Amino acid sequence: MTAMQEAKEILSGCLFVPIERIGDDVSMQSIKELDSLSFAAITVELEDRVGREIDPVDLIKLRTVRDLAGLIERYR
C-alpha cells in the first residue's frame, strides 16, 4: 500500500468519508467533517500505523492529503 492510499484510508476511517471523495491535493481545511476530535483520531491512527509518536509541529504543518502521505513516508 502506498503512503497516499494509507493517508486516504486513515482520513476515510476517521472522518466517515468515502475514499473516492478524498483527492490527493485536497486541502485539509476544506474537509467539512474535520474537527478537533476527528483530528485527534487521525493522529492516534497515524501514530499506530507508523509505530511511534508524531512531532506536534509536523501535525500543525499538514495542509493537504499529500502532506499527510509525506508525513507517513517520513516517519517510516
PDB file of N, CA and C in Angstrom:
ATOM      1  N   MET A   1       0.844  -1.177   0.000  1.00  0.00           N
ATOM      2  CA  MET A   1       0.000   0.000   0.000  1.00  0.00           C
ATOM      3  C   MET A   1       0.892   1.244   0.000  1.00  0.00           C
ATOM      4  N   THR A   2       0.555   2.185  -0.855  1.00  0.00           N
ATOM      5  CA  THR A   2       1.340   3.417  -0.909  1.00  0.00           C
ATOM      6  C   THR A   2       0.968   4.316   0.261  1.00  0.00           C
ATOM      7  N   ALA A   3       1.831   5.273   0.541  1.00  0.00           N
ATOM      8  CA  ALA A   3       1.561   6.224   1.617  1.00  0.00           C
ATOM      9  C   ALA A   3       0.307   7.037   1.310  1.00  0.00           C
ATOM     10  N   MET A   4       0.068   7.357   0.030  1.00  0.00           N
ATOM     11  CA  MET A   4      -1.127   8.114  -0.347  1.00  0.00           C
ATOM     12  C   MET A   4      -2.392   7.294  -0.073  1.00  0.00           C
ATOM     13  N   GLN A   5      -2.357   6.021  -0.435  1.00  0.00           N
ATOM     14  CA  GLN A   5      -3.510   5.159  -0.166  1.00  0.00           C
ATOM     15  C   GLN A   5      -3.762   5.059   1.338  1.00  0.00           C
ATOM     16  N   GLU A   6      -2.681   4.943   2.083  1.00  0.00           N
ATOM     17  CA  GLU A   6      -2.804   4.835   3.534  1.00  0.00           C
ATOM     18  C   GLU A   6      -3.355   6.128   4.137  1.00  0.00           C
ATOM     19  N   ALA A   7      -2.892   7.269   3.645  1.00  0.00           N
ATOM     20  CA  ALA A   7      -3.391   8.557   4.131  1.00  0.00           C
ATOM     21  C   ALA A   7      -4.889   8.668   3.893  1.00  0.00           C
ATOM     22  N   LYS A   8      -5.321   8.285   2.696  1.00  0.00           N
ATOM     23  CA  LYS A   8      -6.748   8.342   2.365  1.00  0.00           C
ATOM     24  C   LYS A   8      -7.552   7.364   3.215  1.00  0.00           C
ATOM     25  N   GLU A   9      -6.983   6.206   3.490  1.00  0.00           N
ATOM     26  CA  GLU A   9      -7.658   5.212   4.325  1.00  0.00           C
ATOM     27  C   GLU A   9      -7.840   5.741   5.749  1.00  0.00           C
ATOM     28  N   ILE A  10      -6.812   6.384   6.273  1.00  0.00           N
ATOM     29  CA  ILE A  10      -6.893   6.967   7.620  1.00  0.00           C
ATOM     30  C   ILE A  10      -7.994   8.031   7.660  1.00  0.00           C
ATOM     31  N   LEU A  11      -7.960   8.941   6.691  1.00  0.00           N
ATOM     32  CA  LEU A  11      -8.961  10.009   6.656  1.00  0.00           C
ATOM     33  C   LEU A  11     -10.366   9.451   6.481  1.00  0.00           C
ATOM     34  N   SER A  12     -10.509   8.508   5.584  1.00  0.00           N
ATOM     35  CA  SER A  12     -11.813   7.909   5.335  1.00  0.00           C
ATOM     36  C   SER A  12     -12.370   7.264   6.599  1.00  0.00           C
ATOM     37  N   GLY A  13     -11.537   6.502   7.294  1.00  0.00           N
ATOM     38  CA  GLY A  13     -11.974   5.811   8.503  1.00  0.00           C
ATOM     39  C   GLY A  13     -12.287   6.744   9.649  1.00  0.00           C
ATOM     40  N   CYS A  14     -11.492   7.787   9.813  1.00  0.00           N
ATOM     41  CA  CYS A  14     -11.695   8.700  10.943  1.00  0.00           C
ATOM     42  C   CYS A  14     -12.786   9.728  10.685  1.00  0.00           C
ATOM     43  N   LEU A  15     -13.014  10.050   9.422  1.00  0.00           N
ATOM     44  CA  LEU A  15     -13.987  11.085   9.087  1.00  0.00           C
ATOM     45  C   LEU A  15     -15.299  10.526   8.538  1.00  0.00           C
ATOM     46  N   PHE A  16     -15.331   9.206   8.340  1.00  0.00           N
ATOM     47  CA  PHE A  16     -16.515   8.548   7.775  1.00  0.00           C
ATOM     48  C   PHE A  16     -16.882   9.142   6.411  1.00  0.00           C
ATOM     49  N   VAL A  17     -15.844   9.301   5.581  1.00  0.00           N
ATOM     50  CA  VAL A  17     -15.991   9.839   4.228  1.00  0.00           C
ATOM     51  C   VAL A  17     -15.514   8.768   3.260  1.00  0.00           C
ATOM     52  N   PRO A  18     -16.244   8.509   2.175  1.00  0.00           N
ATOM     53  CA  PRO A  18     -15.769   7.529   1.199  1.00  0.00           C
ATOM     54  C   PRO A  18     -14.407   7.934   0.618  1.00  0.00           C
ATOM     55  N   ILE A  19     -13.539   6.956   0.466  1.00  0.00           N
ATOM     56  CA  ILE A  19     -12.196   7.223  -0.069  1.00  0.00           C
ATOM     57  C   ILE A  19     -12.268   7.956  -1.405  1.00  0.00           C
ATOM     58  N   GLU A  20     -13.264   7.637  -2.218  1.00  0.00           N
ATOM     59  CA  GLU A  20     -13.392   8.245  -3.543  1.00  0.00           C
ATOM     60  C   GLU A  20     -13.564   9.765  -3.464  1.00  0.00           C
ATOM     61  N   ARG A  21     -14.035  10.271  -2.339  1.00  0.00           N
ATOM     62  CA  ARG A  21     -14.231  11.717  -2.174  1.00  0.00           C
ATOM     63  C   ARG A  21     -12.976  12.437  -1.707  1.00  0.00           C
ATOM     64  N   ILE A  22     -11.900  11.702  -1.473  1.00  0.00           N
ATOM     65  CA  ILE A  22     -10.679  12.305  -0.939  1.00  0.00           C
ATOM     66  C   ILE A  22      -9.632  12.369  -2.050  1.00  0.00           C
ATOM     67  N   GLY A  23      -9.398  13.551  -2.571  1.00  0.00           N
ATOM     68  CA  GLY A  23      -8.398  13.749  -3.624  1.00  0.00           C
ATOM     69  C   GLY A  23      -7.008  13.932  -3.036  1.00  0.00           C
ATOM     70  N   ASP A  24      -5.998  13.682  -3.851  1.00  0.00           N
ATOM     71  CA  ASP A  24      -4.609  13.764  -3.398  1.00  0.00           C
ATOM     72  C   ASP A  24      -4.233  15.157  -2.878  1.00  0.00           C
ATOM     73  N   ASP A  25      -4.723  16.184  -3.546  1.00  0.00           N
ATOM     74  CA  ASP A  25      -4.320  17.552  -3.196  1.00  0.00           C
ATOM     75  C   ASP A  25      -5.422  18.344  -2.507  1.00  0.00           C
ATOM     76  N   VAL A  26      -6.385  17.627  -1.942  1.00  0.00           N
ATOM     77  CA  VAL A  26      -7.461  18.289  -1.213  1.00  0.00           C
ATOM     78  C   VAL A  26      -6.886  18.948   0.038  1.00  0.00           C
ATOM     79  N   SER A  27      -7.296  20.168   0.267  1.00  0.00           N
ATOM     80  CA  SER A  27      -6.884  20.891   1.466  1.00  0.00           C
ATOM     81  C   SER A  27      -7.567  20.271   2.677  1.00  0.00           C
ATOM     82  N   MET A  28      -6.806  20.078   3.733  1.00  0.00           N
ATOM     83  CA  MET A  28      -7.371  19.522   4.957  1.00  0.00           C
ATOM     84  C   MET A  28      -8.469  20.457   5.488  1.00  0.00           C
ATOM     85  N   GLN A  29      -8.304  21.760   5.321  1.00  0.00           N
ATOM     86  CA  GLN A  29      -9.283  22.725   5.801  1.00  0.00           C
ATOM     87  C   GLN A  29     -10.603  22.639   5.039  1.00  0.00           C
ATOM     88  N   SER A  30     -10.562  22.125   3.819  1.00  0.00           N
ATOM     89  CA  SER A  30     -11.789  22.061   3.021  1.00  0.00           C
ATOM     90  C   SER A  30     -12.640  20.830   3.341  1.00  0.00           C
ATOM     91  N   ILE A  31     -12.105  19.927   4.148  1.00  0.00           N
ATOM     92  CA  ILE A  31     -12.862  18.726   4.520  1.00  0.00           C
ATOM     93  C   ILE A  31     -13.786  19.100   5.673  1.00  0.00           C
ATOM     94  N   LYS A  32     -15.059  19.261   5.358  1.00  0.00           N
ATOM     95  CA  LYS A  32     -16.002  19.780   6.354  1.00  0.00           C
ATOM     96  C   LYS A  32     -16.171  18.856   7.558  1.00  0.00           C
ATOM     97  N   GLU A  33     -15.895  17.571   7.392  1.00  0.00           N
ATOM     98  CA  GLU A  33     -16.038  16.621   8.508  1.00  0.00           C
ATOM     99  C   GLU A  33     -14.881  16.712   9.505  1.00  0.00           C
ATOM    100  N   LEU A  34     -13.825  17.439   9.149  1.00  0.00           N
ATOM    101  CA  LEU A  34     -12.637  17.523  10.008  1.00  0.00           C
ATOM    102  C   LEU A  34     -12.853  18.558  11.113  1.00  0.00           C
ATOM    103  N   ASP A  35     -12.747  18.100  12.347  1.00  0.00           N
ATOM    104  CA  ASP A  35     -12.803  18.995  13.501  1.00  0.00           C
ATOM    105  C   ASP A  35     -11.728  18.539  14.486  1.00  0.00           C
ATOM    106  N   SER A  36     -11.681  19.157  15.645  1.00  0.00           N
ATOM    107  CA  SER A  36     -10.611  18.850  16.594  1.00  0.00           C
ATOM    108  C   SER A  36     -10.656  17.400  17.081  1.00  0.00           C
ATOM    109  N   LEU A  37     -11.840  16.856  17.285  1.00  0.00           N
ATOM    110  CA  LEU A  37     -11.947  15.464  17.734  1.00  0.00           C
ATOM    111  C   LEU A  37     -11.515  14.486  16.648  1.00  0.00           C
ATOM    112  N   SER A  38     -11.942  14.736  15.432  1.00  0.00           N
ATOM    113  CA  SER A  38     -11.543  13.834  14.351  1.00  0.00           C
ATOM    114  C   SER A  38     -10.047  13.973  14.064  1.00  0.00           C
ATOM    115  N   PHE A  39      -9.500  15.178  14.245  1.00  0.00           N
ATOM    116  CA  PHE A  39      -8.054  15.355  14.051  1.00  0.00           C
ATOM    117  C   PHE A  39      -7.279  14.554  15.092  1.00  0.00           C
ATOM    118  N   ALA A  40      -7.790  14.517  16.311  1.00  0.00           N
ATOM    119  CA  ALA A  40      -7.160  13.702  17.357  1.00  0.00           C
ATOM    120  C   ALA A  40      -7.212  12.220  16.985  1.00  0.00           C
ATOM    121  N   ALA A  41      -8.330  11.771  16.432  1.00  0.00           N
ATOM    122  CA  ALA A  41      -8.458  10.371  15.998  1.00  0.00           C
ATOM    123  C   ALA A  41      -7.486  10.071  14.859  1.00  0.00           C
ATOM    124  N   ILE A  42      -7.330  11.015  13.945  1.00  0.00           N
ATOM    125  CA  ILE A  42      -6.377  10.845  12.835  1.00  0.00           C
ATOM    126  C   ILE A  42      -4.963  10.714  13.385  1.00  0.00           C
ATOM    127  N   THR A  43      -4.636  11.537  14.363  1.00  0.00           N
ATOM    128  CA  THR A  43      -3.303  11.498  14.971  1.00  0.00           C
ATOM    129  C   THR A  43      -3.042  10.142  15.625  1.00  0.00           C
ATOM    130  N   VAL A  44      -4.001   9.646  16.375  1.00  0.00           N
ATOM    131  CA  VAL A  44      -3.850   8.342  17.040  1.00  0.00           C
ATOM    132  C   VAL A  44      -3.678   7.241  16.000  1.00  0.00           C
ATOM    133  N   GLU A  45      -4.511   7.245  14.975  1.00  0.00           N
ATOM    134  CA  GLU A  45      -4.422   6.229  13.915  1.00  0.00           C
ATOM    135  C   GLU A  45      -3.080   6.314  13.190  1.00  0.00           C
ATOM    136  N   LEU A  46      -2.636   7.520  12.910  1.00  0.00           N
ATOM    137  CA  LEU A  46      -1.350   7.728  12.240  1.00  0.00           C
ATOM    138  C   LEU A  46      -0.211   7.183  13.089  1.00  0.00           C
ATOM    139  N   GLU A  47      -0.214   7.508  14.369  1.00  0.00           N
ATOM    140  CA  GLU A  47       0.846   7.029  15.262  1.00  0.00           C
ATOM    141  C   GLU A  47       0.817   5.508  15.401  1.00  0.00           C
ATOM    142  N   ASP A  48      -0.365   4.932  15.422  1.00  0.00           N
ATOM    143  CA  ASP A  48      -0.472   3.470  15.477  1.00  0.00           C
ATOM    144  C   ASP A  48       0.136   2.835  14.227  1.00  0.00           C
ATOM    145  N   ARG A  49      -0.130   3.432  13.091  1.00  0.00           N
ATOM    146  CA  ARG A  49       0.364   2.857  11.832  1.00  0.00           C
ATOM    147  C   ARG A  49       1.869   2.991  11.653  1.00  0.00           C
ATOM    148  N   VAL A  50       2.443   4.112  12.088  1.00  0.00           N
ATOM    149  CA  VAL A  50       3.892   4.278  11.918  1.00  0.00           C
ATOM    150  C   VAL A  50       4.671   3.733  13.106  1.00  0.00           C
ATOM    151  N   GLY A  51       3.968   3.449  14.197  1.00  0.00           N
ATOM    152  CA  GLY A  51       4.619   2.813  15.340  1.00  0.00           C
ATOM    153  C   GLY A  51       5.409   3.735  16.236  1.00  0.00           C
ATOM    154  N   ARG A  52       5.142   5.023  16.137  1.00  0.00           N
ATOM    155  CA  ARG A  52       5.807   5.958  17.047  1.00  0.00           C
ATOM    156  C   ARG A  52       5.047   7.275  17.103  1.00  0.00           C
ATOM    157  N   GLU A  53       5.439   8.111  18.055  1.00  0.00           N
ATOM    158  CA  GLU A  53       4.775   9.395  18.257  1.00  0.00           C
ATOM    159  C   GLU A  53       5.166  10.371  17.145  1.00  0.00           C
ATOM    160  N   ILE A  54       4.194  11.162  16.719  1.00  0.00           N
ATOM    161  CA  ILE A  54       4.430  12.169  15.685  1.00  0.00           C
ATOM    162  C   ILE A  54       4.676  13.516  16.365  1.00  0.00           C
ATOM    163  N   ASP A  55       5.688  14.227  15.899  1.00  0.00           N
ATOM    164  CA  ASP A  55       6.001  15.558  16.426  1.00  0.00           C
ATOM    165  C   ASP A  55       4.799  16.481  16.164  1.00  0.00           C
ATOM    166  N   PRO A  56       4.275  17.133  17.203  1.00  0.00           N
ATOM    167  CA  PRO A  56       3.126  18.025  17.017  1.00  0.00           C
ATOM    168  C   PRO A  56       3.367  19.120  15.977  1.00  0.00           C
ATOM    169  N   VAL A  57       4.592  19.585  15.842  1.00  0.00           N
ATOM    170  CA  VAL A  57       4.910  20.604  14.836  1.00  0.00           C
ATOM    171  C   VAL A  57       4.634  20.063  13.433  1.00  0.00           C
ATOM    172  N   ASP A  58       4.957  18.794  13.198  1.00  0.00           N
ATOM    173  CA  ASP A  58       4.679  18.174  11.901  1.00  0.00           C
ATOM    174  C   ASP A  58       3.177  18.088  11.648  1.00  0.00           C
ATOM    175  N   LEU A  59       2.405  17.831  12.694  1.00  0.00           N
ATOM    176  CA  LEU A  59       0.955  17.747  12.549  1.00  0.00           C
ATOM    177  C   LEU A  59       0.349  19.113  12.216  1.00  0.00           C
ATOM    178  N   ILE A  60       0.877  20.150  12.830  1.00  0.00           N
ATOM    179  CA  ILE A  60       0.375  21.506  12.582  1.00  0.00           C
ATOM    180  C   ILE A  60       0.631  21.931  11.132  1.00  0.00           C
ATOM    181  N   LYS A  61       1.700  21.420  10.540  1.00  0.00           N
ATOM    182  CA  LYS A  61       2.071  21.795   9.172  1.00  0.00           C
ATOM    183  C   LYS A  61       1.230  21.105   8.098  1.00  0.00           C
ATOM    184  N   LEU A  62       0.403  20.140   8.476  1.00  0.00           N
ATOM    185  CA  LEU A  62      -0.401  19.422   7.484  1.00  0.00           C
ATOM    186  C   LEU A  62      -1.386  20.365   6.813  1.00  0.00           C
ATOM    187  N   ARG A  63      -1.313  20.445   5.489  1.00  0.00           N
ATOM    188  CA  ARG A  63      -2.226  21.301   4.732  1.00  0.00           C
ATOM    189  C   ARG A  63      -3.079  20.507   3.742  1.00  0.00           C
ATOM    190  N   THR A  64      -2.500  19.426   3.189  1.00  0.00           N
ATOM    191  CA  THR A  64      -3.204  18.642   2.173  1.00  0.00           C
ATOM    192  C   THR A  64      -3.088  17.152   2.483  1.00  0.00           C
ATOM    193  N   VAL A  65      -3.869  16.378   1.756  1.00  0.00           N
ATOM    194  CA  VAL A  65      -3.792  14.920   1.885  1.00  0.00           C
ATOM    195  C   VAL A  65      -2.399  14.456   1.471  1.00  0.00           C
ATOM    196  N   ARG A  66      -1.818  15.100   0.464  1.00  0.00           N
ATOM    197  CA  ARG A  66      -0.462  14.766   0.026  1.00  0.00           C
ATOM    198  C   ARG A  66       0.547  15.000   1.162  1.00  0.00           C
ATOM    199  N   ASP A  67       0.345  16.052   1.948  1.00  0.00           N
ATOM    200  CA  ASP A  67       1.216  16.310   3.107  1.00  0.00           C
ATOM    201  C   ASP A  67       1.127  15.168   4.120  1.00  0.00           C
ATOM    202  N   LEU A  68      -0.081  14.655   4.333  1.00  0.00           N
ATOM    203  CA  LEU A  68      -0.269  13.531   5.257  1.00  0.00           C
ATOM    204  C   LEU A  68       0.460  12.297   4.745  1.00  0.00           C
ATOM    205  N   ALA A  69       0.385  12.052   3.447  1.00  0.00           N
ATOM    206  CA  ALA A  69       1.106  10.920   2.853  1.00  0.00           C
ATOM    207  C   ALA A  69       2.612  11.097   3.031  1.00  0.00           C
ATOM    208  N   GLY A  70       3.099  12.317   2.836  1.00  0.00           N
ATOM    209  CA  GLY A  70       4.525  12.590   3.031  1.00  0.00           C
ATOM    210  C   GLY A  70       4.953  12.365   4.464  1.00  0.00           C
ATOM    211  N   LEU A  71       4.086  12.712   5.393  1.00  0.00           N
ATOM    212  CA  LEU A  71       4.387  12.503   6.812  1.00  0.00           C
ATOM    213  C   LEU A  71       4.492  11.011   7.120  1.00  0.00           C
ATOM    214  N   ILE A  72       3.605  10.228   6.543  1.00  0.00           N
ATOM    215  CA  ILE A  72       3.665   8.774   6.725  1.00  0.00           C
ATOM    216  C   ILE A  72       4.993   8.230   6.206  1.00  0.00           C
ATOM    217  N   GLU A  73       5.406   8.685   5.037  1.00  0.00           N
ATOM    218  CA  GLU A  73       6.686   8.234   4.469  1.00  0.00           C
ATOM    219  C   GLU A  73       7.863   8.633   5.343  1.00  0.00           C
ATOM    220  N   ARG A  74       7.842   9.860   5.857  1.00  0.00           N
ATOM    221  CA  ARG A  74       8.958  10.350   6.667  1.00  0.00           C
ATOM    222  C   ARG A  74       9.093   9.612   7.985  1.00  0.00           C
ATOM    223  N   TYR A  75       7.987   9.209   8.573  1.00  0.00           N
ATOM    224  CA  TYR A  75       8.038   8.565   9.890  1.00  0.00           C
ATOM    225  C   TYR A  75       8.228   7.058   9.802  1.00  0.00           C
ATOM    226  N   ARG A  76       8.296   6.525   8.635  1.00  0.00           N
ATOM    227  CA  ARG A  76       8.527   5.071   8.496  1.00  0.00           C
ATOM    228  C   ARG A  76       9.990   4.772   8.472  1.00  0.00           C
TER     229      ARG A  76
END
